[in-house]
Amino acid sequence: MSRNLAPGMATIRSAVENASALPITDEGIIAILQGGPDPASHLHAIFGDVSLRALDGAGASAGVPLATILQAYDAARTAAAVANPELDRLLDEPW
């Protein structure tokens, strides 16, 4: 597992490790932020438990724009019934 010190990455990794026995890598986190499928436990931890600031920081460090992260969150809402009021408010804003 790589250890990236990008802003937000440690927060995201910790949330996943607390919610799931399945391992996660920085590359796996970035794939999820880009909309890649993953176990529901990872989707819930990343999009349900992590702040917008941490998500945006991790995404920015990997070149993933916030709009892409929001699209991935929107897909996770449907696929895994993930809920995050902070991200929901952004989805309601025009992009």
N, C-alpha and C. Protein backbone atom coordinates (compact mmCIF):
# COMPACT_ATOMS: atom_id res chain seq x y z
N MET A 1 0.85 -1.17 0.00
CA MET A 1 0.00 0.00 0.00
C MET A 1 0.89 1.23 0.00
N SER A 2 0.64 2.15 -0.92
CA SER A 2 1.43 3.37 -0.96
C SER A 2 0.95 4.31 0.14
N ARG A 3 1.85 5.14 0.59
CA ARG A 3 1.50 6.11 1.63
C ARG A 3 1.71 7.51 1.08
N ASN A 4 0.65 8.09 0.57
CA ASN A 4 0.66 9.41 -0.01
C ASN A 4 0.32 10.41 1.07
N LEU A 5 1.05 11.49 1.17
CA LEU A 5 0.80 12.50 2.18
C LEU A 5 -0.09 13.62 1.65
N ALA A 6 -0.77 13.39 0.54
CA ALA A 6 -1.65 14.40 -0.04
C ALA A 6 -2.73 14.78 0.96
N PRO A 7 -3.11 16.06 0.95
CA PRO A 7 -4.17 16.49 1.85
C PRO A 7 -5.44 15.65 1.65
N GLY A 8 -5.97 15.15 2.72
CA GLY A 8 -7.20 14.38 2.65
C GLY A 8 -7.01 12.89 2.48
N MET A 9 -5.91 12.46 1.92
CA MET A 9 -5.72 11.04 1.64
C MET A 9 -5.69 10.22 2.93
N ALA A 10 -4.98 10.69 3.94
CA ALA A 10 -4.91 9.95 5.21
C ALA A 10 -6.29 9.88 5.87
N THR A 11 -7.05 10.95 5.77
CA THR A 11 -8.41 10.96 6.33
C THR A 11 -9.28 9.94 5.64
N ILE A 12 -9.21 9.90 4.32
CA ILE A 12 -10.02 8.95 3.56
C ILE A 12 -9.59 7.52 3.88
N ARG A 13 -8.30 7.26 3.89
CA ARG A 13 -7.81 5.92 4.19
C ARG A 13 -8.28 5.47 5.57
N SER A 14 -8.19 6.35 6.54
CA SER A 14 -8.61 6.03 7.91
C SER A 14 -10.10 5.71 7.96
N ALA A 15 -10.92 6.48 7.25
CA ALA A 15 -12.36 6.22 7.23
C ALA A 15 -12.66 4.85 6.66
N VAL A 16 -11.97 4.48 5.58
CA VAL A 16 -12.19 3.17 4.97
C VAL A 16 -11.71 2.06 5.90
N GLU A 17 -10.54 2.23 6.48
CA GLU A 17 -10.00 1.20 7.38
C GLU A 17 -10.88 1.01 8.61
N ASN A 18 -11.56 2.06 9.05
CA ASN A 18 -12.46 1.96 10.19
C ASN A 18 -13.79 1.29 9.82
N ALA A 19 -14.16 1.34 8.55
CA ALA A 19 -15.47 0.84 8.13
C ALA A 19 -15.42 -0.53 7.46
N SER A 20 -14.25 -0.96 7.03
CA SER A 20 -14.18 -2.16 6.22
C SER A 20 -12.93 -2.97 6.54
N ALA A 21 -13.09 -4.28 6.49
CA ALA A 21 -11.93 -5.16 6.66
C ALA A 21 -11.16 -5.30 5.35
N LEU A 22 -11.76 -4.83 4.26
CA LEU A 22 -11.11 -4.91 2.95
C LEU A 22 -10.06 -3.81 2.84
N PRO A 23 -8.89 -4.12 2.33
CA PRO A 23 -7.83 -3.10 2.22
C PRO A 23 -8.14 -2.06 1.15
N ILE A 24 -7.48 -0.92 1.28
CA ILE A 24 -7.62 0.16 0.30
C ILE A 24 -6.23 0.74 0.05
N THR A 25 -5.96 1.14 -1.16
CA THR A 25 -4.71 1.80 -1.53
C THR A 25 -5.03 3.22 -1.96
N ASP A 26 -4.02 4.06 -2.05
CA ASP A 26 -4.23 5.40 -2.57
C ASP A 26 -4.79 5.34 -3.99
N GLU A 27 -4.28 4.40 -4.77
CA GLU A 27 -4.77 4.25 -6.15
C GLU A 27 -6.24 3.86 -6.15
N GLY A 28 -6.63 3.00 -5.22
CA GLY A 28 -8.03 2.60 -5.10
C GLY A 28 -8.92 3.77 -4.71
N ILE A 29 -8.42 4.62 -3.82
CA ILE A 29 -9.17 5.81 -3.42
C ILE A 29 -9.37 6.72 -4.61
N ILE A 30 -8.32 6.98 -5.35
CA ILE A 30 -8.41 7.84 -6.52
C ILE A 30 -9.39 7.25 -7.54
N ALA A 31 -9.34 5.94 -7.74
CA ALA A 31 -10.28 5.30 -8.67
C ALA A 31 -11.72 5.53 -8.24
N ILE A 32 -11.99 5.43 -6.94
CA ILE A 32 -13.35 5.68 -6.44
C ILE A 32 -13.74 7.13 -6.66
N LEU A 33 -12.82 8.06 -6.40
CA LEU A 33 -13.12 9.48 -6.61
C LEU A 33 -13.39 9.78 -8.08
N GLN A 34 -12.89 8.93 -8.96
CA GLN A 34 -13.13 9.10 -10.39
C GLN A 34 -14.37 8.35 -10.85
N GLY A 35 -15.02 7.66 -9.93
CA GLY A 35 -16.27 6.97 -10.28
C GLY A 35 -16.16 5.48 -10.44
N GLY A 36 -15.00 4.93 -10.14
CA GLY A 36 -14.83 3.49 -10.26
C GLY A 36 -15.64 2.74 -9.22
N PRO A 37 -16.11 1.57 -9.57
CA PRO A 37 -16.89 0.79 -8.61
C PRO A 37 -16.00 0.22 -7.52
N ASP A 38 -16.56 -0.01 -6.38
CA ASP A 38 -15.83 -0.59 -5.26
C ASP A 38 -16.84 -1.17 -4.30
N PRO A 39 -16.38 -1.91 -3.31
CA PRO A 39 -17.34 -2.43 -2.34
C PRO A 39 -18.16 -1.31 -1.71
N ALA A 40 -19.40 -1.60 -1.41
CA ALA A 40 -20.29 -0.61 -0.80
C ALA A 40 -19.69 -0.03 0.48
N SER A 41 -18.97 -0.85 1.24
CA SER A 41 -18.37 -0.34 2.49
C SER A 41 -17.37 0.77 2.21
N HIS A 42 -16.62 0.65 1.12
CA HIS A 42 -15.67 1.71 0.75
C HIS A 42 -16.41 2.96 0.29
N LEU A 43 -17.45 2.77 -0.52
CA LEU A 43 -18.22 3.91 -0.99
C LEU A 43 -18.86 4.66 0.17
N HIS A 44 -19.43 3.92 1.12
CA HIS A 44 -20.05 4.56 2.28
C HIS A 44 -19.02 5.31 3.11
N ALA A 45 -17.87 4.72 3.33
CA ALA A 45 -16.83 5.38 4.12
C ALA A 45 -16.33 6.63 3.43
N ILE A 46 -16.05 6.53 2.15
CA ILE A 46 -15.47 7.67 1.43
C ILE A 46 -16.48 8.79 1.24
N PHE A 47 -17.65 8.46 0.72
CA PHE A 47 -18.61 9.51 0.40
C PHE A 47 -19.56 9.84 1.54
N GLY A 48 -19.71 8.94 2.48
CA GLY A 48 -20.63 9.19 3.58
C GLY A 48 -19.98 9.75 4.82
N ASP A 49 -18.70 9.43 5.04
CA ASP A 49 -18.04 9.80 6.29
C ASP A 49 -16.94 10.85 6.16
N VAL A 50 -16.52 11.14 4.96
CA VAL A 50 -15.38 12.04 4.75
C VAL A 50 -15.87 13.42 4.31
N SER A 51 -15.24 14.45 4.83
CA SER A 51 -15.66 15.82 4.52
C SER A 51 -15.34 16.19 3.07
N LEU A 52 -16.06 17.16 2.59
CA LEU A 52 -15.81 17.70 1.26
C LEU A 52 -14.38 18.20 1.15
N ARG A 53 -13.89 18.85 2.19
CA ARG A 53 -12.52 19.38 2.16
C ARG A 53 -11.49 18.27 1.92
N ALA A 54 -11.65 17.15 2.64
CA ALA A 54 -10.71 16.04 2.48
C ALA A 54 -10.84 15.41 1.10
N LEU A 55 -12.06 15.24 0.64
CA LEU A 55 -12.27 14.66 -0.70
C LEU A 55 -11.66 15.55 -1.78
N ASP A 56 -11.91 16.84 -1.67
CA ASP A 56 -11.40 17.78 -2.66
C ASP A 56 -9.87 17.84 -2.61
N GLY A 57 -9.29 17.80 -1.41
CA GLY A 57 -7.83 17.83 -1.28
C GLY A 57 -7.18 16.61 -1.90
N ALA A 58 -7.74 15.44 -1.61
CA ALA A 58 -7.19 14.21 -2.18
C ALA A 58 -7.37 14.20 -3.70
N GLY A 59 -8.53 14.62 -4.14
CA GLY A 59 -8.77 14.67 -5.59
C GLY A 59 -7.85 15.64 -6.29
N ALA A 60 -7.71 16.83 -5.73
CA ALA A 60 -6.84 17.85 -6.34
C ALA A 60 -5.41 17.36 -6.46
N SER A 61 -4.94 16.65 -5.44
CA SER A 61 -3.55 16.17 -5.48
C SER A 61 -3.34 15.13 -6.56
N ALA A 62 -4.42 14.49 -7.00
CA ALA A 62 -4.32 13.47 -8.05
C ALA A 62 -4.88 13.96 -9.39
N GLY A 63 -5.22 15.24 -9.47
CA GLY A 63 -5.74 15.78 -10.71
C GLY A 63 -7.18 15.42 -11.00
N VAL A 64 -7.94 15.09 -9.94
CA VAL A 64 -9.36 14.74 -10.11
C VAL A 64 -10.17 15.97 -9.73
N PRO A 65 -10.86 16.58 -10.69
CA PRO A 65 -11.63 17.79 -10.38
C PRO A 65 -12.84 17.48 -9.48
N LEU A 66 -13.26 18.49 -8.74
CA LEU A 66 -14.40 18.34 -7.85
C LEU A 66 -15.64 17.89 -8.61
N ALA A 67 -15.84 18.36 -9.81
CA ALA A 67 -17.01 17.94 -10.60
C ALA A 67 -17.01 16.42 -10.81
N THR A 68 -15.85 15.84 -11.03
CA THR A 68 -15.74 14.38 -11.21
C THR A 68 -16.06 13.66 -9.90
N ILE A 69 -15.57 14.19 -8.79
CA ILE A 69 -15.85 13.60 -7.48
C ILE A 69 -17.35 13.64 -7.21
N LEU A 70 -17.99 14.75 -7.55
CA LEU A 70 -19.44 14.85 -7.35
C LEU A 70 -20.20 13.87 -8.22
N GLN A 71 -19.75 13.65 -9.44
CA GLN A 71 -20.38 12.64 -10.31
C GLN A 71 -20.21 11.26 -9.71
N ALA A 72 -19.04 10.97 -9.15
CA ALA A 72 -18.80 9.68 -8.52
C ALA A 72 -19.69 9.52 -7.29
N TYR A 73 -19.85 10.59 -6.53
CA TYR A 73 -20.74 10.55 -5.37
C TYR A 73 -22.18 10.30 -5.81
N ASP A 74 -22.61 10.98 -6.85
CA ASP A 74 -23.97 10.80 -7.35
C ASP A 74 -24.21 9.35 -7.76
N ALA A 75 -23.24 8.74 -8.41
CA ALA A 75 -23.35 7.32 -8.79
C ALA A 75 -23.37 6.43 -7.54
N ALA A 76 -22.58 6.77 -6.52
CA ALA A 76 -22.55 5.99 -5.28
C ALA A 76 -23.88 6.09 -4.54
N ARG A 77 -24.55 7.24 -4.66
CA ARG A 77 -25.87 7.37 -4.02
C ARG A 77 -26.83 6.33 -4.57
N THR A 78 -26.77 6.13 -5.87
CA THR A 78 -27.65 5.15 -6.51
C THR A 78 -27.18 3.73 -6.26
N ALA A 79 -25.90 3.48 -6.42
CA ALA A 79 -25.36 2.12 -6.33
C ALA A 79 -25.34 1.58 -4.91
N ALA A 80 -25.08 2.44 -3.92
CA ALA A 80 -24.88 1.94 -2.56
C ALA A 80 -25.66 2.72 -1.50
N ALA A 81 -26.61 3.53 -1.94
CA ALA A 81 -27.44 4.31 -1.02
C ALA A 81 -26.60 5.15 -0.06
N VAL A 82 -25.55 5.76 -0.58
CA VAL A 82 -24.68 6.63 0.20
C VAL A 82 -25.37 7.99 0.37
N ALA A 83 -25.21 8.60 1.53
CA ALA A 83 -25.78 9.91 1.78
C ALA A 83 -24.77 10.82 2.45
N ASN A 84 -24.66 12.04 1.93
CA ASN A 84 -23.78 13.04 2.50
C ASN A 84 -24.41 14.41 2.23
N PRO A 85 -25.03 15.03 3.24
CA PRO A 85 -25.72 16.30 3.02
C PRO A 85 -24.83 17.39 2.43
N GLU A 86 -23.57 17.41 2.82
CA GLU A 86 -22.64 18.42 2.31
C GLU A 86 -22.46 18.27 0.79
N LEU A 87 -22.32 17.04 0.33
CA LEU A 87 -22.18 16.81 -1.11
C LEU A 87 -23.50 16.98 -1.83
N ASP A 88 -24.61 16.62 -1.17
CA ASP A 88 -25.93 16.80 -1.77
C ASP A 88 -26.17 18.28 -2.11
N ARG A 89 -25.78 19.17 -1.21
CA ARG A 89 -25.96 20.61 -1.47
C ARG A 89 -25.19 21.03 -2.72
N LEU A 90 -24.00 20.51 -2.90
CA LEU A 90 -23.22 20.88 -4.09
C LEU A 90 -23.85 20.32 -5.36
N LEU A 91 -24.44 19.15 -5.28
CA LEU A 91 -25.09 18.58 -6.46
C LEU A 91 -26.26 19.43 -6.91
N ASP A 92 -26.88 20.14 -5.97
CA ASP A 92 -28.02 21.00 -6.30
C ASP A 92 -27.59 22.30 -6.97
N GLU A 93 -26.30 22.64 -6.88
CA GLU A 93 -25.81 23.86 -7.49
C GLU A 93 -25.48 23.61 -8.97
N PRO A 94 -25.67 24.64 -9.79
CA PRO A 94 -25.33 24.47 -11.21
C PRO A 94 -23.82 24.36 -11.42
N TRP A 95 -23.41 23.47 -12.29
CA TRP A 95 -21.99 23.30 -12.64
C TRP A 95 -21.83 23.72 -14.05
